[in-house]
Amino acid sequence: QAGGSLRLSCAASGRTFTSYYMGWFRQAPGKEREFV
């Protein structure tokens, strides 16, 4: 519900990620993907 909370998780594997930037993006119906 509006006003509530959620926690998203992203489990990464396959290499060491210390040199990486990690991002969250979102895409709503009919809209372009956008940076979060």
Full PDB file with SEQRES, HELIX, SHEET, SSBOND, CRYST1, ORIGX, SCALE, CONECT and MASTER records, all heavy atoms in Angstrom:
SEQRES   1 A   36  GLN ALA GLY GLY SER LEU ARG LEU SER CYS ALA ALA SER          
SEQRES   2 A   36  GLY ARG THR PHE THR SER TYR TYR MET GLY TRP PHE ARG          
SEQRES   3 A   36  GLN ALA PRO GLY LYS GLU ARG GLU PHE VAL                      
SHEET    1 AA1 2 PHE A  25  ARG A  26  0                                        
SHEET    2 AA1 2 GLU A  34  PHE A  35 -1                                        
CRYST1    1.000    1.000    1.000  90.00  90.00  90.00 P 1           1          
ORIGX1      1.000000  0.000000  0.000000        0.00000                         
ORIGX2      0.000000  1.000000  0.000000        0.00000                         
ORIGX3      0.000000  0.000000  1.000000        0.00000                         
SCALE1      1.000000  0.000000  0.000000        0.00000                         
SCALE2      0.000000  1.000000  0.000000        0.00000                         
SCALE3      0.000000  0.000000  1.000000        0.00000                         
ATOM      1  N   GLN A   1       0.830  -1.199   0.000  1.00  0.00           N  
ATOM      2  CA  GLN A   1       0.000   0.000   0.000  1.00  0.00           C  
ATOM      3  C   GLN A   1       0.866   1.251   0.000  1.00  0.00           C  
ATOM      4  O   GLN A   1       2.020   1.233   0.462  1.00  0.00           O  
ATOM      5  CB  GLN A   1      -0.913   0.007   1.229  1.00  0.00           C  
ATOM      6  CG  GLN A   1      -2.051  -0.994   1.145  1.00  0.00           C  
ATOM      7  CD  GLN A   1      -3.062  -0.791   2.258  1.00  0.00           C  
ATOM      8  OE1 GLN A   1      -2.721  -0.335   3.342  1.00  0.00           O  
ATOM      9  NE2 GLN A   1      -4.306  -1.144   1.973  1.00  0.00           N  
ATOM     10  N   ALA A   2       0.312   2.323  -0.508  1.00  0.00           N  
ATOM     11  CA  ALA A   2       1.012   3.606  -0.494  1.00  0.00           C  
ATOM     12  C   ALA A   2       1.430   3.945   0.935  1.00  0.00           C  
ATOM     13  O   ALA A   2       0.678   3.738   1.887  1.00  0.00           O  
ATOM     14  CB  ALA A   2       0.126   4.701  -1.054  1.00  0.00           C  
ATOM     15  N   GLY A   3       2.650   4.422   1.069  1.00  0.00           N  
ATOM     16  CA  GLY A   3       3.215   4.725   2.372  1.00  0.00           C  
ATOM     17  C   GLY A   3       4.008   3.587   2.966  1.00  0.00           C  
ATOM     18  O   GLY A   3       4.714   3.775   3.969  1.00  0.00           O  
ATOM     19  N   GLY A   4       3.888   2.424   2.366  1.00  0.00           N  
ATOM     20  CA  GLY A   4       4.585   1.246   2.872  1.00  0.00           C  
ATOM     21  C   GLY A   4       6.019   1.158   2.394  1.00  0.00           C  
ATOM     22  O   GLY A   4       6.530   2.061   1.723  1.00  0.00           O  
ATOM     23  N   SER A   5       6.659   0.038   2.750  1.00  0.00           N  
ATOM     24  CA  SER A   5       8.071  -0.169   2.440  1.00  0.00           C  
ATOM     25  C   SER A   5       8.295  -1.540   1.822  1.00  0.00           C  
ATOM     26  O   SER A   5       7.540  -2.491   2.083  1.00  0.00           O  
ATOM     27  CB  SER A   5       8.915  -0.060   3.721  1.00  0.00           C  
ATOM     28  OG  SER A   5       8.821   1.211   4.297  1.00  0.00           O  
ATOM     29  N   LEU A   6       9.343  -1.615   1.036  1.00  0.00           N  
ATOM     30  CA  LEU A   6       9.823  -2.886   0.494  1.00  0.00           C  
ATOM     31  C   LEU A   6      11.343  -2.817   0.446  1.00  0.00           C  
ATOM     32  O   LEU A   6      11.913  -1.727   0.287  1.00  0.00           O  
ATOM     33  CB  LEU A   6       9.299  -3.137  -0.924  1.00  0.00           C  
ATOM     34  CG  LEU A   6       7.862  -3.642  -1.107  1.00  0.00           C  
ATOM     35  CD1 LEU A   6       7.521  -3.684  -2.592  1.00  0.00           C  
ATOM     36  CD2 LEU A   6       7.672  -4.995  -0.471  1.00  0.00           C  
ATOM     37  N   ARG A   7      11.974  -3.968   0.541  1.00  0.00           N  
ATOM     38  CA  ARG A   7      13.416  -4.042   0.344  1.00  0.00           C  
ATOM     39  C   ARG A   7      13.707  -5.021  -0.791  1.00  0.00           C  
ATOM     40  O   ARG A   7      13.386  -6.207  -0.695  1.00  0.00           O  
ATOM     41  CB  ARG A   7      14.159  -4.479   1.604  1.00  0.00           C  
ATOM     42  CG  ARG A   7      15.668  -4.352   1.432  1.00  0.00           C  
ATOM     43  CD  ARG A   7      16.439  -4.742   2.682  1.00  0.00           C  
ATOM     44  NE  ARG A   7      16.522  -6.190   2.854  1.00  0.00           N  
ATOM     45  CZ  ARG A   7      17.447  -6.796   3.605  1.00  0.00           C  
ATOM     46  NH1 ARG A   7      18.362  -6.081   4.241  1.00  0.00           N  
ATOM     47  NH2 ARG A   7      17.441  -8.104   3.736  1.00  0.00           N  
ATOM     48  N   LEU A   8      14.304  -4.510  -1.838  1.00  0.00           N  
ATOM     49  CA  LEU A   8      14.707  -5.347  -2.961  1.00  0.00           C  
ATOM     50  C   LEU A   8      16.135  -5.828  -2.742  1.00  0.00           C  
ATOM     51  O   LEU A   8      16.969  -5.091  -2.204  1.00  0.00           O  
ATOM     52  CB  LEU A   8      14.621  -4.569  -4.269  1.00  0.00           C  
ATOM     53  CG  LEU A   8      13.282  -3.918  -4.608  1.00  0.00           C  
ATOM     54  CD1 LEU A   8      13.356  -3.266  -5.989  1.00  0.00           C  
ATOM     55  CD2 LEU A   8      12.149  -4.914  -4.526  1.00  0.00           C  
ATOM     56  N   SER A   9      16.389  -7.047  -3.184  1.00  0.00           N  
ATOM     57  CA  SER A   9      17.729  -7.613  -3.112  1.00  0.00           C  
ATOM     58  C   SER A   9      18.203  -7.980  -4.510  1.00  0.00           C  
ATOM     59  O   SER A   9      17.403  -8.366  -5.361  1.00  0.00           O  
ATOM     60  CB  SER A   9      17.742  -8.874  -2.233  1.00  0.00           C  
ATOM     61  OG  SER A   9      17.318  -8.585  -0.922  1.00  0.00           O  
ATOM     62  N   CYS A  10      19.501  -7.876  -4.711  1.00  0.00           N  
ATOM     63  CA  CYS A  10      20.122  -8.283  -5.972  1.00  0.00           C  
ATOM     64  C   CYS A  10      21.339  -9.135  -5.621  1.00  0.00           C  
ATOM     65  O   CYS A  10      22.347  -8.609  -5.137  1.00  0.00           O  
ATOM     66  CB  CYS A  10      20.534  -7.077  -6.785  1.00  0.00           C  
ATOM     67  SG  CYS A  10      21.518  -7.477  -8.261  1.00  0.00           S  
ATOM     68  N   ALA A  11      21.217 -10.426  -5.829  1.00  0.00           N  
ATOM     69  CA  ALA A  11      22.323 -11.345  -5.565  1.00  0.00           C  
ATOM     70  C   ALA A  11      23.195 -11.435  -6.811  1.00  0.00           C  
ATOM     71  O   ALA A  11      22.710 -11.824  -7.882  1.00  0.00           O  
ATOM     72  CB  ALA A  11      21.794 -12.709  -5.176  1.00  0.00           C  
ATOM     73  N   ALA A  12      24.460 -11.068  -6.660  1.00  0.00           N  
ATOM     74  CA  ALA A  12      25.379 -11.026  -7.795  1.00  0.00           C  
ATOM     75  C   ALA A  12      26.373 -12.176  -7.718  1.00  0.00           C  
ATOM     76  O   ALA A  12      26.878 -12.496  -6.640  1.00  0.00           O  
ATOM     77  CB  ALA A  12      26.125  -9.702  -7.806  1.00  0.00           C  
ATOM     78  N   SER A  13      26.639 -12.787  -8.839  1.00  0.00           N  
ATOM     79  CA  SER A  13      27.598 -13.895  -8.873  1.00  0.00           C  
ATOM     80  C   SER A  13      28.317 -13.927 -10.206  1.00  0.00           C  
ATOM     81  O   SER A  13      27.918 -13.270 -11.165  1.00  0.00           O  
ATOM     82  CB  SER A  13      26.878 -15.230  -8.630  1.00  0.00           C  
ATOM     83  OG  SER A  13      25.934 -15.481  -9.658  1.00  0.00           O  
ATOM     84  N   GLY A  14      29.405 -14.676 -10.241  1.00  0.00           N  
ATOM     85  CA  GLY A  14      30.114 -14.874 -11.497  1.00  0.00           C  
ATOM     86  C   GLY A  14      31.460 -14.179 -11.577  1.00  0.00           C  
ATOM     87  O   GLY A  14      32.260 -14.507 -12.458  1.00  0.00           O  
ATOM     88  N   ARG A  15      31.686 -13.205 -10.714  1.00  0.00           N  
ATOM     89  CA  ARG A  15      32.984 -12.533 -10.690  1.00  0.00           C  
ATOM     90  C   ARG A  15      33.064 -11.651  -9.458  1.00  0.00           C  
ATOM     91  O   ARG A  15      32.108 -11.549  -8.708  1.00  0.00           O  
ATOM     92  CB  ARG A  15      33.210 -11.703 -11.939  1.00  0.00           C  
ATOM     93  CG  ARG A  15      32.262 -10.566 -12.154  1.00  0.00           C  
ATOM     94  CD  ARG A  15      32.570  -9.892 -13.476  1.00  0.00           C  
ATOM     95  NE  ARG A  15      32.501 -10.863 -14.567  1.00  0.00           N  
ATOM     96  CZ  ARG A  15      32.859 -10.592 -15.807  1.00  0.00           C  
ATOM     97  NH1 ARG A  15      33.311  -9.389 -16.121  1.00  0.00           N  
ATOM     98  NH2 ARG A  15      32.779 -11.509 -16.747  1.00  0.00           N  
ATOM     99  N   THR A  16      34.206 -11.037  -9.275  1.00  0.00           N  
ATOM    100  CA  THR A  16      34.372 -10.081  -8.190  1.00  0.00           C  
ATOM    101  C   THR A  16      33.871  -8.721  -8.651  1.00  0.00           C  
ATOM    102  O   THR A  16      34.233  -8.261  -9.723  1.00  0.00           O  
ATOM    103  CB  THR A  16      35.852  -9.987  -7.787  1.00  0.00           C  
ATOM    104  OG1 THR A  16      36.325 -11.289  -7.404  1.00  0.00           O  
ATOM    105  CG2 THR A  16      36.026  -9.025  -6.631  1.00  0.00           C  
ATOM    106  N   PHE A  17      33.042  -8.099  -7.833  1.00  0.00           N  
ATOM    107  CA  PHE A  17      32.364  -6.885  -8.262  1.00  0.00           C  
ATOM    108  C   PHE A  17      32.955  -5.605  -7.673  1.00  0.00           C  
ATOM    109  O   PHE A  17      32.349  -4.538  -7.789  1.00  0.00           O  
ATOM    110  CB  PHE A  17      30.880  -6.986  -7.915  1.00  0.00           C  
ATOM    111  CG  PHE A  17      30.148  -7.983  -8.760  1.00  0.00           C  
ATOM    112  CD1 PHE A  17      30.032  -9.312  -8.376  1.00  0.00           C  
ATOM    113  CD2 PHE A  17      29.593  -7.603  -9.972  1.00  0.00           C  
ATOM    114  CE1 PHE A  17      29.373 -10.241  -9.164  1.00  0.00           C  
ATOM    115  CE2 PHE A  17      28.921  -8.517 -10.772  1.00  0.00           C  
ATOM    116  CZ  PHE A  17      28.817  -9.833 -10.374  1.00  0.00           C  
ATOM    117  N   THR A  18      34.128  -5.691  -7.093  1.00  0.00           N  
ATOM    118  CA  THR A  18      34.668  -4.525  -6.412  1.00  0.00           C  
ATOM    119  C   THR A  18      34.949  -3.360  -7.349  1.00  0.00           C  
ATOM    120  O   THR A  18      34.979  -2.216  -6.924  1.00  0.00           O  
ATOM    121  CB  THR A  18      35.950  -4.890  -5.649  1.00  0.00           C  
ATOM    122  OG1 THR A  18      36.838  -5.568  -6.538  1.00  0.00           O  
ATOM    123  CG2 THR A  18      35.646  -5.779  -4.458  1.00  0.00           C  
ATOM    124  N   SER A  19      35.129  -3.623  -8.626  1.00  0.00           N  
ATOM    125  CA  SER A  19      35.384  -2.533  -9.564  1.00  0.00           C  
ATOM    126  C   SER A  19      34.125  -2.081 -10.293  1.00  0.00           C  
ATOM    127  O   SER A  19      34.197  -1.259 -11.204  1.00  0.00           O  
ATOM    128  CB  SER A  19      36.428  -2.969 -10.592  1.00  0.00           C  
ATOM    129  OG  SER A  19      35.974  -4.100 -11.310  1.00  0.00           O  
ATOM    130  N   TYR A  20      32.987  -2.593  -9.875  1.00  0.00           N  
ATOM    131  CA  TYR A  20      31.734  -2.337 -10.569  1.00  0.00           C  
ATOM    132  C   TYR A  20      30.918  -1.227  -9.907  1.00  0.00           C  
ATOM    133  O   TYR A  20      30.978  -0.998  -8.700  1.00  0.00           O  
ATOM    134  CB  TYR A  20      30.883  -3.606 -10.599  1.00  0.00           C  
ATOM    135  CG  TYR A  20      31.273  -4.569 -11.704  1.00  0.00           C  
ATOM    136  CD1 TYR A  20      32.456  -5.274 -11.633  1.00  0.00           C  
ATOM    137  CD2 TYR A  20      30.439  -4.765 -12.791  1.00  0.00           C  
ATOM    138  CE1 TYR A  20      32.819  -6.151 -12.642  1.00  0.00           C  
ATOM    139  CE2 TYR A  20      30.779  -5.643 -13.796  1.00  0.00           C  
ATOM    140  CZ  TYR A  20      31.975  -6.342 -13.719  1.00  0.00           C  
ATOM    141  OH  TYR A  20      32.321  -7.201 -14.724  1.00  0.00           O  
ATOM    142  N   TYR A  21      30.132  -0.588 -10.749  1.00  0.00           N  
ATOM    143  CA  TYR A  21      29.007   0.209 -10.299  1.00  0.00           C  
ATOM    144  C   TYR A  21      27.771  -0.709 -10.373  1.00  0.00           C  
ATOM    145  O   TYR A  21      27.587  -1.422 -11.366  1.00  0.00           O  
ATOM    146  CB  TYR A  21      28.790   1.428 -11.183  1.00  0.00           C  
ATOM    147  CG  TYR A  21      29.860   2.469 -11.021  1.00  0.00           C  
ATOM    148  CD1 TYR A  21      31.028   2.416 -11.781  1.00  0.00           C  
ATOM    149  CD2 TYR A  21      29.706   3.513 -10.108  1.00  0.00           C  
ATOM    150  CE1 TYR A  21      32.020   3.361 -11.622  1.00  0.00           C  
ATOM    151  CE2 TYR A  21      30.696   4.471  -9.959  1.00  0.00           C  
ATOM    152  CZ  TYR A  21      31.842   4.387 -10.708  1.00  0.00           C  
ATOM    153  OH  TYR A  21      32.830   5.332 -10.550  1.00  0.00           O  
ATOM    154  N   MET A  22      26.978  -0.665  -9.330  1.00  0.00           N  
ATOM    155  CA  MET A  22      25.728  -1.431  -9.293  1.00  0.00           C  
ATOM    156  C   MET A  22      24.570  -0.444  -9.291  1.00  0.00           C  
ATOM    157  O   MET A  22      24.558   0.507  -8.506  1.00  0.00           O  
ATOM    158  CB  MET A  22      25.667  -2.311  -8.045  1.00  0.00           C  
ATOM    159  CG  MET A  22      26.853  -3.260  -7.892  1.00  0.00           C  
ATOM    160  SD  MET A  22      26.964  -4.479  -9.206  1.00  0.00           S  
ATOM    161  CE  MET A  22      25.498  -5.463  -8.896  1.00  0.00           C  
ATOM    162  N   GLY A  23      23.627  -0.687 -10.165  1.00  0.00           N  
ATOM    163  CA  GLY A  23      22.518   0.251 -10.285  1.00  0.00           C  
ATOM    164  C   GLY A  23      21.167  -0.424 -10.157  1.00  0.00           C  
ATOM    165  O   GLY A  23      21.030  -1.627 -10.379  1.00  0.00           O  
ATOM    166  N   TRP A  24      20.205   0.370  -9.771  1.00  0.00           N  
ATOM    167  CA  TRP A  24      18.786  -0.030  -9.822  1.00  0.00           C  
ATOM    168  C   TRP A  24      18.096   0.893 -10.817  1.00  0.00           C  
ATOM    169  O   TRP A  24      18.227   2.123 -10.728  1.00  0.00           O  
ATOM    170  CB  TRP A  24      18.118   0.074  -8.464  1.00  0.00           C  
ATOM    171  CG  TRP A  24      18.492  -1.023  -7.505  1.00  0.00           C  
ATOM    172  CD1 TRP A  24      19.428  -0.964  -6.522  1.00  0.00           C  
ATOM    173  CD2 TRP A  24      17.919  -2.330  -7.437  1.00  0.00           C  
ATOM    174  NE1 TRP A  24      19.487  -2.158  -5.849  1.00  0.00           N  
ATOM    175  CE2 TRP A  24      18.563  -3.014  -6.380  1.00  0.00           C  
ATOM    176  CE3 TRP A  24      16.927  -3.003  -8.154  1.00  0.00           C  
ATOM    177  CZ2 TRP A  24      18.256  -4.326  -6.036  1.00  0.00           C  
ATOM    178  CZ3 TRP A  24      16.622  -4.305  -7.810  1.00  0.00           C  
ATOM    179  CH2 TRP A  24      17.280  -4.961  -6.759  1.00  0.00           C  
ATOM    180  N   PHE A  25      17.376   0.292 -11.728  1.00  0.00           N  
ATOM    181  CA  PHE A  25      16.567   1.013 -12.700  1.00  0.00           C  
ATOM    182  C   PHE A  25      15.146   0.473 -12.599  1.00  0.00           C  
ATOM    183  O   PHE A  25      14.921  -0.606 -12.071  1.00  0.00           O  
ATOM    184  CB  PHE A  25      17.106   0.807 -14.117  1.00  0.00           C  
ATOM    185  CG  PHE A  25      18.432   1.477 -14.371  1.00  0.00           C  
ATOM    186  CD1 PHE A  25      19.614   0.919 -13.894  1.00  0.00           C  
ATOM    187  CD2 PHE A  25      18.506   2.663 -15.078  1.00  0.00           C  
ATOM    188  CE1 PHE A  25      20.839   1.541 -14.115  1.00  0.00           C  
ATOM    189  CE2 PHE A  25      19.718   3.294 -15.307  1.00  0.00           C  
ATOM    190  CZ  PHE A  25      20.885   2.733 -14.818  1.00  0.00           C  
ATOM    191  N   ARG A  26      14.198   1.216 -13.154  1.00  0.00           N  
ATOM    192  CA  ARG A  26      12.817   0.737 -13.162  1.00  0.00           C  
ATOM    193  C   ARG A  26      12.147   1.115 -14.470  1.00  0.00           C  
ATOM    194  O   ARG A  26      12.533   2.078 -15.128  1.00  0.00           O  
ATOM    195  CB  ARG A  26      12.029   1.303 -11.975  1.00  0.00           C  
ATOM    196  CG  ARG A  26      11.822   2.812 -12.017  1.00  0.00           C  
ATOM    197  CD  ARG A  26      11.220   3.298 -10.710  1.00  0.00           C  
ATOM    198  NE  ARG A  26      11.045   4.746 -10.717  1.00  0.00           N  
ATOM    199  CZ  ARG A  26      10.745   5.461  -9.639  1.00  0.00           C  
ATOM    200  NH1 ARG A  26      10.563   4.854  -8.461  1.00  0.00           N  
ATOM    201  NH2 ARG A  26      10.611   6.775  -9.728  1.00  0.00           N  
ATOM    202  N   GLN A  27      11.147   0.322 -14.804  1.00  0.00           N  
ATOM    203  CA  GLN A  27      10.392   0.592 -16.025  1.00  0.00           C  
ATOM    204  C   GLN A  27       8.925   0.346 -15.759  1.00  0.00           C  
ATOM    205  O   GLN A  27       8.519  -0.775 -15.420  1.00  0.00           O  
ATOM    206  CB  GLN A  27      10.882  -0.290 -17.174  1.00  0.00           C  
ATOM    207  CG  GLN A  27      10.278   0.075 -18.505  1.00  0.00           C  
ATOM    208  CD  GLN A  27      11.022  -0.537 -19.671  1.00  0.00           C  
ATOM    209  OE1 GLN A  27      11.765  -1.499 -19.523  1.00  0.00           O  
ATOM    210  NE2 GLN A  27      10.837   0.035 -20.847  1.00  0.00           N  
ATOM    211  N   ALA A  28       8.142   1.387 -15.910  1.00  0.00           N  
ATOM    212  CA  ALA A  28       6.698   1.303 -15.767  1.00  0.00           C  
ATOM    213  C   ALA A  28       6.085   1.050 -17.139  1.00  0.00           C  
ATOM    214  O   ALA A  28       6.698   1.360 -18.166  1.00  0.00           O  
ATOM    215  CB  ALA A  28       6.159   2.595 -15.173  1.00  0.00           C  
ATOM    216  N   PRO A  29       4.873   0.500 -17.170  1.00  0.00           N  
ATOM    217  CA  PRO A  29       4.232   0.216 -18.457  1.00  0.00           C  
ATOM    218  C   PRO A  29       4.136   1.461 -19.328  1.00  0.00           C  
ATOM    219  O   PRO A  29       3.694   2.517 -18.861  1.00  0.00           O  
ATOM    220  CB  PRO A  29       2.843  -0.287 -18.041  1.00  0.00           C  
ATOM    221  CG  PRO A  29       3.034  -0.833 -16.686  1.00  0.00           C  
ATOM    222  CD  PRO A  29       4.064   0.034 -16.034  1.00  0.00           C  
ATOM    223  N   GLY A  30       4.568   1.324 -20.569  1.00  0.00           N  
ATOM    224  CA  GLY A  30       4.480   2.431 -21.505  1.00  0.00           C  
ATOM    225  C   GLY A  30       5.517   3.514 -21.324  1.00  0.00           C  
ATOM    226  O   GLY A  30       5.476   4.533 -22.018  1.00  0.00           O  
ATOM    227  N   LYS A  31       6.450   3.292 -20.419  1.00  0.00           N  
ATOM    228  CA  LYS A  31       7.481   4.304 -20.161  1.00  0.00           C  
ATOM    229  C   LYS A  31       8.869   3.725 -20.400  1.00  0.00           C  
ATOM    230  O   LYS A  31       9.058   2.516 -20.410  1.00  0.00           O  
ATOM    231  CB  LYS A  31       7.366   4.827 -18.734  1.00  0.00           C  
ATOM    232  CG  LYS A  31       6.089   5.580 -18.452  1.00  0.00           C  
ATOM    233  CD  LYS A  31       6.131   6.266 -17.101  1.00  0.00           C  
ATOM    234  CE  LYS A  31       4.893   7.095 -16.860  1.00  0.00           C  
ATOM    235  NZ  LYS A  31       4.939   7.793 -15.552  1.00  0.00           N  
ATOM    236  N   GLU A  32       9.825   4.625 -20.553  1.00  0.00           N  
ATOM    237  CA  GLU A  32      11.208   4.187 -20.719  1.00  0.00           C  
ATOM    238  C   GLU A  32      11.802   3.765 -19.383  1.00  0.00           C  
ATOM    239  O   GLU A  32      11.365   4.209 -18.318  1.00  0.00           O  
ATOM    240  CB  GLU A  32      12.036   5.331 -21.321  1.00  0.00           C  
ATOM    241  CG  GLU A  32      11.670   5.659 -22.753  1.00  0.00           C  
ATOM    242  CD  GLU A  32      12.623   6.665 -23.372  1.00  0.00           C  
ATOM    243  OE1 GLU A  32      13.507   7.156 -22.648  1.00  0.00           O  
ATOM    244  OE2 GLU A  32      12.481   6.944 -24.562  1.00  0.00           O  
ATOM    245  N   ARG A  33      12.837   2.940 -19.469  1.00  0.00           N  
ATOM    246  CA  ARG A  33      13.541   2.548 -18.268  1.00  0.00           C  
ATOM    247  C   ARG A  33      14.240   3.776 -17.672  1.00  0.00           C  
ATOM    248  O   ARG A  33      14.847   4.555 -18.404  1.00  0.00           O  
ATOM    249  CB  ARG A  33      14.554   1.448 -18.590  1.00  0.00           C  
ATOM    250  CG  ARG A  33      15.175   0.790 -17.386  1.00  0.00           C  
ATOM    251  CD  ARG A  33      15.963  -0.438 -17.786  1.00  0.00           C  
ATOM    252  NE  ARG A  33      15.104  -1.467 -18.384  1.00  0.00           N  
ATOM    253  CZ  ARG A  33      15.511  -2.699 -18.663  1.00  0.00           C  
ATOM    254  NH1 ARG A  33      16.761  -3.055 -18.399  1.00  0.00           N  
ATOM    255  NH2 ARG A  33      14.695  -3.582 -19.201  1.00  0.00           N  
ATOM    256  N   GLU A  34      14.158   3.933 -16.367  1.00  0.00           N  
ATOM    257  CA  GLU A  34      14.755   5.110 -15.750  1.00  0.00           C  
ATOM    258  C   GLU A  34      15.633   4.738 -14.562  1.00  0.00           C  
ATOM    259  O   GLU A  34      15.419   3.725 -13.887  1.00  0.00           O  
ATOM    260  CB  GLU A  34      13.663   6.089 -15.283  1.00  0.00           C  
ATOM    261  CG  GLU A  34      12.770   5.571 -14.191  1.00  0.00           C  
ATOM    262  CD  GLU A  34      11.817   6.642 -13.670  1.00  0.00           C  
ATOM    263  OE1 GLU A  34      11.867   7.797 -14.148  1.00  0.00           O  
ATOM    264  OE2 GLU A  34      11.024   6.319 -12.758  1.00  0.00           O  
ATOM    265  N   PHE A  35      16.599   5.574 -14.336  1.00  0.00           N  
ATOM    266  CA  PHE A  35      17.538   5.405 -13.237  1.00  0.00           C  
ATOM    267  C   PHE A  35      16.857   5.630 -11.894  1.00  0.00           C  
ATOM    268  O   PHE A  35      16.047   6.550 -11.757  1.00  0.00           O  
ATOM    269  CB  PHE A  35      18.689   6.392 -13.411  1.00  0.00           C  
ATOM    270  CG  PHE A  35      19.611   6.496 -12.242  1.00  0.00           C  
ATOM    271  CD1 PHE A  35      20.551   5.518 -11.995  1.00  0.00           C  
ATOM    272  CD2 PHE A  35      19.543   7.580 -11.382  1.00  0.00           C  
ATOM    273  CE1 PHE A  35      21.418   5.614 -10.911  1.00  0.00           C  
ATOM    274  CE2 PHE A  35      20.400   7.695 -10.295  1.00  0.00           C  
ATOM    275  CZ  PHE A  35      21.330   6.711 -10.057  1.00  0.00           C  
ATOM    276  N   VAL A  36      17.201   4.791 -10.931  1.00  0.00           N  
ATOM    277  CA  VAL A  36      16.684   4.944  -9.570  1.00  0.00           C  
ATOM    278  C   VAL A  36      17.823   5.263  -8.598  1.00  0.00           C  
ATOM    279  O   VAL A  36      17.774   6.256  -7.875  1.00  0.00           O  
ATOM    280  CB  VAL A  36      15.957   3.675  -9.108  1.00  0.00           C  
ATOM    281  CG1 VAL A  36      15.499   3.812  -7.656  1.00  0.00           C  
ATOM    282  CG2 VAL A  36      14.774   3.365 -10.021  1.00  0.00           C  
TER     283      VAL A  36                                                      
MASTER        0    0    0    0    2    0    0    6  282    1    0    3          
END                                                                             
